[in-house]
Amino acid sequence: DLSEFTITMAIPTTYDGETVKISRGSNGTWDATKRIITWRIGGLKHGESCLVTAEAGLSASMKDAMSEDPDVKMAEKHLRCPVLVRCTSEVDQISDMAVSVLEDIPAHLVENLTRSYRLLHRVP
């Protein structure tokens, strides 16, 4: 089983912080100062899954930039929302993760997996 399971998503200033809405995931909180959404799932039993969703509108400056130059590459560069998943487990591990974007949103996903380990050594 996984414990201390947390999902954090950074919301860049190209999105309007006033429009951030957590639409799925009951333990989600929006920190406007840090511009992050954090879902504290807690424990996740072996074989269980969870689904979280957030929405936000574009900032006024980003809307203006998109109307002047609707360049997809520029949008991809400025509309990135990094996601961090953290958990603790002594036995189990995360074996699969699916992230998706709504079909009517002109975006795509880029996967960048980073693993970190902590080794605890106890002297008898």
Foldseek 3Di string as FASTA:
>chain_A
DWFQKKKKKAFDLQWDLVFKDWPFAPQWDADSVRRMIMHRPGDDDPPGDGDTDMDTHGDPVNVVVCVVPVDLVVCQVRGDMDMDIDIDDDPDDDDDDDDDDDPVDPYDDDDDDDDDDDDDDDDD
